[in-house]
Amino acid sequence: MAGLLWRNLRSLKVGSVPPRVLRRLKASYFHNIVNYSLYMEGLKPVLEELSVAGIPVVLLRGPALVLTVYRDAGLRGFSDVDLWIREENLPRIEEVLRSEGFSPLEGYPLLFHKGGLWIDLHLDLIGTTRVRSRSFGARIDRDAVWEDVEPLEVDGFEVLALSPKDRLLFLCFHALKHSFWRLIWIVDIAEAIRVYKDLHWGNFVRRAKDFGLERPAYYGLRCAHELLDAPVPREAMSALVPVRQKYIERKLLDVALAGLGADGLSEVLYLFSISKASQRARFLWEAIFLRPELRPQVDRGLLFYPKRIFRAGKLALGVASRAFSVNRPKSINCKGGVRGDG
């Protein structure tokens, strides 16, 4: 967010910021521009070859947000490119990536790299490739999402991007999935809301409910509204409020609203989206202990289970202590958007 902050401070002509701080923020802004250019240069041959072969890919977050929401590469940095693909096209896409010098990271078959460039392939939009039981809390109609994707021009050639309602919905889910750790994920939601002035909120609410994502949508919109004054219509927020929101769920959401994102917050909050107790137990088991093929990514030792149990207990205590000690903050006044002139 450093580049974003520099643009805003410059446009507001704040004189009390030390010059050395402004120089560092300005450097981050131009670093983002260079990073974007390098990624586009490295990504272009891959996307061109896939386009010629008639293989559709959807550009998620990062560059897609730069092009459709921020419209200034200096305002939104990213460290990898996320591509949503159809599973049946995976072998051909892997072949194209390898032909362009990319190779998969050991233990992460869908994460490809070439020098400092990283491409993360996604077979779904909520991370069920890693935690399959996450599907218990959602019912994503992938075909419906694919039907609504829109063309996006990238450096002179065309790729695909999510429709505005789906981009906003999955930005909300992404922030929850990562426990609201970084403010930039909330800024993404807030800025998307400001840019999508013609968004049909009734369709957004209907999509969230159809996909079983009303809770993630509510959490994300509420954070964007209360922390960044994003203009979320009251009717949309009211339509997404969980019908049976328990005390502990409200306290956990307060952790996110207080800017205290914590490891484990995502998993605990997501439990409220899963209706059956047996499925909640299975989700927690898989989130804590991982599937056998994924365990080498985090620990190859003999003490895997004791370590994971200890970590889960520590995270649970940390989340609980934050939830019951948090004081709700006043919202950050960002009327008019956080983008200043961008």
Protein backbone atom coordinates (compact mmCIF):
# COMPACT_ATOMS: atom_id res chain seq x y z
CA MET A 1 0.00 0.00 0.00
CA ALA A 2 3.03 2.29 0.11
CA GLY A 3 2.56 3.53 -3.46
CA LEU A 4 -1.11 4.19 -2.78
CA LEU A 5 -0.25 6.13 0.36
CA TRP A 6 2.33 8.24 -1.48
CA ARG A 7 -0.17 9.26 -4.18
CA ASN A 8 -2.74 10.25 -1.55
CA LEU A 9 -0.29 12.21 0.56
CA ARG A 10 0.96 14.02 -2.52
CA SER A 11 -2.55 14.88 -3.71
CA LEU A 12 -3.55 16.06 -0.22
CA LYS A 13 -0.33 18.11 0.06
CA VAL A 14 0.34 16.97 3.61
CA GLY A 15 3.32 18.96 4.84
CA SER A 16 4.02 17.21 8.12
CA VAL A 17 5.37 13.98 6.62
CA PRO A 18 9.19 13.73 6.88
CA PRO A 19 10.86 13.93 3.42
CA ARG A 20 12.69 10.62 3.91
CA VAL A 21 9.36 8.87 4.49
CA LEU A 22 7.91 10.41 1.32
CA ARG A 23 10.99 9.30 -0.63
CA ARG A 24 10.54 5.70 0.52
CA LEU A 25 6.85 5.76 -0.33
CA LYS A 26 7.59 7.26 -3.74
CA ALA A 27 10.19 4.56 -4.37
CA SER A 28 7.54 1.92 -3.63
CA TYR A 29 5.19 3.56 -6.14
CA PHE A 30 7.76 3.34 -8.94
CA HIS A 31 8.82 -0.14 -7.84
CA ASN A 32 5.23 -1.25 -8.41
CA ILE A 33 5.32 0.20 -11.93
CA VAL A 34 8.57 -1.62 -12.75
CA ASN A 35 7.24 -4.84 -11.23
CA TYR A 36 4.06 -4.59 -13.33
CA SER A 37 6.07 -4.02 -16.52
CA LEU A 38 8.33 -7.00 -15.82
CA TYR A 39 5.35 -9.25 -15.16
CA MET A 40 3.56 -8.15 -18.30
CA GLU A 41 6.69 -8.75 -20.36
CA GLY A 42 7.11 -12.25 -18.93
CA LEU A 43 3.41 -13.09 -19.03
CA LYS A 44 2.69 -11.88 -22.56
CA PRO A 45 4.19 -14.85 -24.50
CA VAL A 46 2.37 -17.31 -22.23
CA LEU A 47 -1.00 -15.63 -22.65
CA GLU A 48 -0.47 -15.15 -26.38
CA GLU A 49 0.29 -18.84 -26.91
CA LEU A 50 -2.74 -19.87 -24.85
CA SER A 51 -4.90 -17.44 -26.82
CA VAL A 52 -3.70 -18.88 -30.15
CA ALA A 53 -4.44 -22.38 -28.85
CA GLY A 54 -7.96 -21.31 -27.84
CA ILE A 55 -7.40 -22.05 -24.16
CA PRO A 56 -9.28 -19.59 -21.94
CA VAL A 57 -7.72 -18.28 -18.73
CA VAL A 58 -9.13 -15.77 -16.27
CA LEU A 59 -6.81 -13.19 -14.77
CA LEU A 60 -7.51 -12.84 -11.04
CA ARG A 61 -6.64 -10.05 -8.59
CA GLY A 62 -3.17 -8.44 -9.05
CA PRO A 63 -2.91 -7.23 -12.68
CA ALA A 64 -6.69 -7.50 -13.16
CA LEU A 65 -7.22 -5.06 -10.30
CA VAL A 66 -4.54 -2.73 -11.66
CA LEU A 67 -6.32 -2.60 -15.03
CA THR A 68 -9.95 -2.51 -13.93
CA VAL A 69 -9.99 -0.84 -10.49
CA TYR A 70 -6.82 1.15 -9.68
CA ARG A 71 -5.92 2.02 -13.30
CA ASP A 72 -2.41 2.93 -12.19
CA ALA A 73 0.28 0.26 -11.83
CA GLY A 74 2.01 2.24 -9.09
CA LEU A 75 -0.96 2.02 -6.73
CA ARG A 76 -1.32 -1.76 -6.44
CA GLY A 77 1.66 -4.04 -6.08
CA PHE A 78 1.57 -7.82 -6.43
CA SER A 79 4.05 -10.67 -6.13
CA ASP A 80 2.46 -13.25 -8.42
CA VAL A 81 -0.14 -13.65 -11.14
CA ASP A 82 -3.20 -15.76 -10.37
CA LEU A 83 -4.83 -17.54 -13.31
CA TRP A 84 -8.12 -19.41 -13.03
CA ILE A 85 -8.27 -22.26 -15.53
CA ARG A 86 -10.46 -25.22 -16.44
CA GLU A 87 -9.03 -28.46 -15.06
CA GLU A 88 -9.22 -30.22 -18.43
CA ASN A 89 -6.83 -27.59 -19.84
CA LEU A 90 -4.21 -28.04 -17.12
CA PRO A 91 -1.86 -30.41 -19.05
CA ARG A 92 -1.72 -28.09 -22.06
CA ILE A 93 -1.20 -25.00 -19.88
CA GLU A 94 1.63 -26.72 -18.01
CA GLU A 95 3.20 -27.55 -21.37
CA VAL A 96 3.00 -23.92 -22.48
CA LEU A 97 4.50 -22.67 -19.21
CA ARG A 98 7.41 -25.10 -19.45
CA SER A 99 8.03 -24.13 -23.08
CA GLU A 100 8.35 -20.50 -21.92
CA GLY A 101 10.90 -21.38 -19.23
CA PHE A 102 8.60 -21.67 -16.22
CA SER A 103 8.90 -24.62 -13.85
CA PRO A 104 6.74 -25.77 -10.91
CA LEU A 105 7.95 -25.19 -7.38
CA GLU A 106 8.77 -28.43 -5.59
CA GLY A 107 5.77 -29.55 -3.56
CA TYR A 108 3.50 -26.95 -5.21
CA PRO A 109 2.53 -28.39 -8.62
CA LEU A 110 0.30 -25.45 -9.57
CA LEU A 111 2.81 -22.71 -8.69
CA PHE A 112 5.22 -21.95 -11.54
CA HIS A 113 8.20 -19.63 -11.51
CA LYS A 114 10.79 -18.21 -13.85
CA GLY A 115 13.42 -16.08 -12.20
CA GLY A 116 11.46 -13.63 -10.07
CA LEU A 117 8.15 -14.19 -11.89
CA TRP A 118 5.48 -16.40 -10.33
CA ILE A 119 2.29 -17.78 -11.88
CA ASP A 120 -0.23 -19.47 -9.59
CA LEU A 121 -2.78 -21.68 -11.36
CA HIS A 122 -6.21 -22.08 -9.78
CA LEU A 123 -8.68 -24.86 -10.56
CA ASP A 124 -11.36 -23.22 -8.44
CA LEU A 125 -12.07 -19.88 -6.78
CA ILE A 126 -12.25 -20.75 -3.07
CA GLY A 127 -9.20 -22.94 -2.51
CA THR A 128 -10.76 -26.41 -2.49
CA THR A 129 -7.70 -27.72 -4.34
CA ARG A 130 -5.84 -27.42 -1.03
CA VAL A 131 -8.69 -27.84 1.49
CA ARG A 132 -11.36 -29.91 -0.22
CA SER A 133 -13.77 -29.74 2.70
CA ARG A 134 -13.99 -25.97 2.22
CA SER A 135 -16.64 -26.88 -0.36
CA PHE A 136 -18.99 -27.75 2.54
CA GLY A 137 -19.52 -24.03 3.10
CA ALA A 138 -20.15 -23.04 -0.51
CA ARG A 139 -21.86 -24.25 -3.66
CA ILE A 140 -20.05 -22.48 -6.49
CA ASP A 141 -21.56 -22.82 -9.95
CA ARG A 142 -18.38 -22.59 -11.99
CA ASP A 143 -20.21 -22.67 -15.30
CA ALA A 144 -22.27 -19.63 -14.25
CA VAL A 145 -19.08 -17.73 -13.41
CA TRP A 146 -17.46 -18.73 -16.69
CA GLU A 147 -20.55 -17.59 -18.60
CA ASP A 148 -20.22 -14.10 -17.09
CA VAL A 149 -16.47 -13.54 -17.60
CA GLU A 150 -15.56 -10.46 -19.61
CA PRO A 151 -12.75 -9.69 -22.08
CA LEU A 152 -9.83 -7.71 -20.69
CA GLU A 153 -7.13 -6.14 -22.84
CA VAL A 154 -3.62 -6.63 -21.51
CA ASP A 155 -0.78 -4.92 -23.35
CA GLY A 156 -2.47 -5.23 -26.72
CA PHE A 157 -3.95 -8.72 -26.43
CA GLU A 158 -7.10 -10.08 -24.88
CA VAL A 159 -7.58 -12.30 -21.82
CA LEU A 160 -10.58 -12.87 -19.57
CA ALA A 161 -11.56 -11.34 -16.24
CA LEU A 162 -14.35 -11.96 -13.76
CA SER A 163 -17.50 -9.91 -14.07
CA PRO A 164 -17.72 -7.01 -11.57
CA LYS A 165 -20.18 -8.82 -9.28
CA ASP A 166 -18.04 -11.97 -9.22
CA ARG A 167 -14.80 -10.04 -8.76
CA LEU A 168 -16.26 -8.20 -5.76
CA LEU A 169 -17.69 -11.42 -4.31
CA PHE A 170 -14.42 -13.32 -4.54
CA LEU A 171 -12.41 -10.34 -3.26
CA CYS A 172 -14.54 -10.61 -0.13
CA PHE A 173 -13.88 -14.34 0.05
CA HIS A 174 -10.14 -13.85 -0.53
CA ALA A 175 -9.90 -11.39 2.38
CA LEU A 176 -11.68 -13.89 4.65
CA LYS A 177 -9.60 -16.82 3.40
CA HIS A 178 -6.46 -14.98 4.51
CA SER A 179 -7.92 -13.85 7.84
CA PHE A 180 -8.07 -10.15 6.88
CA TRP A 181 -4.33 -9.96 7.55
CA ARG A 182 -3.55 -7.15 5.12
CA LEU A 183 -5.40 -3.85 4.80
CA ILE A 184 -4.81 -3.84 1.03
CA TRP A 185 -7.34 -6.70 0.66
CA ILE A 186 -9.98 -4.49 2.29
CA VAL A 187 -8.88 -1.56 0.14
CA ASP A 188 -9.38 -3.76 -2.94
CA ILE A 189 -12.99 -4.33 -1.90
CA ALA A 190 -13.61 -0.67 -1.11
CA GLU A 191 -12.09 0.57 -4.36
CA ALA A 192 -13.99 -2.00 -6.44
CA ILE A 193 -17.23 -0.76 -4.86
CA ARG A 194 -16.34 2.86 -5.73
CA VAL A 195 -15.39 2.01 -9.31
CA TYR A 196 -18.39 -0.25 -10.01
CA LYS A 197 -20.94 2.52 -9.73
CA ASP A 198 -23.35 0.66 -12.03
CA LEU A 199 -23.15 -2.61 -10.08
CA HIS A 200 -26.59 -4.18 -9.69
CA TRP A 201 -26.56 -4.89 -5.98
CA GLY A 202 -29.60 -7.13 -6.18
CA ASN A 203 -27.68 -9.42 -8.57
CA PHE A 204 -24.67 -9.34 -6.27
CA VAL A 205 -26.73 -10.38 -3.25
CA ARG A 206 -28.46 -13.09 -5.26
CA ARG A 207 -25.11 -14.42 -6.50
CA ALA A 208 -23.70 -14.51 -2.95
CA LYS A 209 -26.74 -16.42 -1.69
CA ASP A 210 -26.81 -18.80 -4.66
CA PHE A 211 -23.16 -19.66 -4.03
CA GLY A 212 -23.56 -19.95 -0.25
CA LEU A 213 -21.14 -17.04 0.21
CA GLU A 214 -23.43 -14.56 1.96
CA ARG A 215 -21.32 -14.63 5.12
CA PRO A 216 -17.96 -13.98 3.39
CA ALA A 217 -19.66 -11.26 1.33
CA TYR A 218 -21.11 -9.68 4.49
CA TYR A 219 -17.78 -9.80 6.32
CA GLY A 220 -15.89 -8.21 3.41
CA LEU A 221 -18.44 -5.49 2.69
CA ARG A 222 -18.79 -4.61 6.34
CA CYS A 223 -15.02 -4.28 6.78
CA ALA A 224 -14.80 -2.08 3.68
CA HIS A 225 -17.72 0.06 4.83
CA GLU A 226 -16.71 0.51 8.47
CA LEU A 227 -12.95 0.81 7.98
CA LEU A 228 -12.81 2.70 4.67
CA ASP A 229 -16.27 4.23 4.36
CA ALA A 230 -17.01 2.28 1.17
CA PRO A 231 -20.47 3.21 -0.15
CA VAL A 232 -22.26 -0.10 0.40
CA PRO A 233 -26.05 0.26 0.03
CA ARG A 234 -27.85 -0.37 3.31
CA GLU A 235 -30.30 -2.69 1.56
CA ALA A 236 -27.49 -4.92 0.29
CA MET A 237 -25.83 -5.10 3.69
CA SER A 238 -29.14 -5.90 5.41
CA ALA A 239 -29.89 -8.65 2.89
CA LEU A 240 -26.56 -10.34 3.66
CA VAL A 241 -26.64 -10.15 7.48
CA PRO A 242 -26.51 -13.74 8.79
CA VAL A 243 -29.94 -14.80 10.03
CA ARG A 244 -28.58 -16.56 13.11
CA GLN A 245 -25.42 -14.66 13.95
CA LYS A 246 -24.10 -15.92 17.27
CA TYR A 247 -22.22 -13.90 19.86
CA ILE A 248 -18.86 -15.55 19.14
CA GLU A 249 -19.23 -14.84 15.40
CA ARG A 250 -19.83 -11.16 16.12
CA LYS A 251 -16.78 -11.03 18.40
CA LEU A 252 -14.59 -12.71 15.78
CA LEU A 253 -15.75 -10.23 13.15
CA ASP A 254 -14.80 -7.45 15.56
CA VAL A 255 -11.21 -8.75 15.35
CA ALA A 256 -11.22 -8.13 11.61
CA LEU A 257 -12.89 -4.73 12.03
CA ALA A 258 -10.24 -3.75 14.55
CA GLY A 259 -7.49 -4.51 12.05
CA LEU A 260 -6.26 -7.43 14.15
CA GLY A 261 -6.18 -10.12 11.49
CA ALA A 262 -4.92 -13.31 13.10
CA ASP A 263 -3.85 -16.75 11.95
CA GLY A 264 -6.78 -19.09 12.39
CA LEU A 265 -9.44 -16.38 12.14
CA SER A 266 -10.38 -17.51 8.64
CA GLU A 267 -10.97 -21.13 9.62
CA VAL A 268 -13.00 -20.28 12.72
CA LEU A 269 -15.20 -17.75 10.93
CA TYR A 270 -15.71 -20.12 8.01
CA LEU A 271 -17.18 -22.72 10.36
CA PHE A 272 -20.31 -20.58 10.56
CA SER A 273 -20.84 -21.10 6.82
CA ILE A 274 -20.92 -24.89 7.27
CA SER A 275 -24.25 -26.17 8.55
CA LYS A 276 -23.50 -29.77 9.59
CA ALA A 277 -21.41 -30.52 12.69
CA SER A 278 -19.78 -33.53 11.04
CA GLN A 279 -18.67 -31.38 8.11
CA ARG A 280 -17.31 -28.70 10.43
CA ALA A 281 -15.23 -31.36 12.18
CA ARG A 282 -13.92 -32.65 8.87
CA PHE A 283 -13.07 -29.12 7.71
CA LEU A 284 -11.13 -28.40 10.93
CA TRP A 285 -9.30 -31.73 10.70
CA GLU A 286 -8.21 -31.04 7.12
CA ALA A 287 -7.30 -27.42 7.85
CA ILE A 288 -5.14 -28.44 10.80
CA PHE A 289 -3.55 -31.69 9.61
CA LEU A 290 -3.71 -31.26 5.82
CA ARG A 291 -4.05 -34.06 3.30
CA PRO A 292 -1.06 -36.46 3.17
CA GLU A 293 0.19 -35.14 -0.17
CA LEU A 294 0.30 -31.58 1.22
CA ARG A 295 2.07 -32.28 4.51
CA PRO A 296 5.62 -32.17 3.07
CA GLN A 297 4.95 -28.52 2.19
CA VAL A 298 4.91 -27.58 5.88
CA ASP A 299 6.81 -30.30 7.77
CA ARG A 300 8.59 -33.52 6.86
CA GLY A 301 9.48 -34.48 10.43
CA LEU A 302 8.22 -37.27 12.68
CA LEU A 303 6.56 -34.79 15.04
CA PHE A 304 4.11 -33.51 12.43
CA TYR A 305 0.94 -34.29 14.42
CA PRO A 306 2.12 -32.96 17.82
CA LYS A 307 3.40 -29.78 16.15
CA ARG A 308 0.13 -29.20 14.32
CA ILE A 309 -1.93 -29.83 17.46
CA PHE A 310 0.24 -27.39 19.42
CA ARG A 311 -0.01 -24.80 16.64
CA ALA A 312 -3.79 -25.18 16.39
CA GLY A 313 -4.16 -24.73 20.15
CA LYS A 314 -1.90 -21.70 20.16
CA LEU A 315 -3.82 -20.11 17.28
CA ALA A 316 -7.17 -20.82 18.95
CA LEU A 317 -6.02 -19.15 22.16
CA GLY A 318 -4.65 -16.19 20.20
CA VAL A 319 -7.88 -15.68 18.28
CA ALA A 320 -9.97 -16.03 21.45
CA SER A 321 -7.86 -13.55 23.40
CA ARG A 322 -8.14 -10.99 20.62
CA ALA A 323 -11.86 -11.56 20.16
CA PHE A 324 -12.67 -10.92 23.82
CA SER A 325 -10.27 -8.05 24.40
CA VAL A 326 -10.80 -6.03 21.25
CA ASN A 327 -12.23 -2.53 21.36
CA ARG A 328 -13.95 -1.60 18.13
CA PRO A 329 -12.13 1.28 16.42
CA LYS A 330 -13.60 4.28 14.73
CA SER A 331 -13.70 3.96 10.97
CA ILE A 332 -10.95 5.42 8.84
CA ASN A 333 -12.35 8.45 7.07
CA CYS A 334 -11.64 7.84 3.39
CA LYS A 335 -14.60 9.57 1.80
CA GLY A 336 -14.06 10.05 -1.91
CA GLY A 337 -11.87 6.96 -2.12
CA VAL A 338 -8.40 6.06 -1.08
CA ARG A 339 -7.06 6.66 -4.56
CA GLY A 340 -6.74 10.42 -4.41
CA ASP A 341 -6.20 11.10 -8.09
CA GLY A 342 -5.71 7.47 -9.24
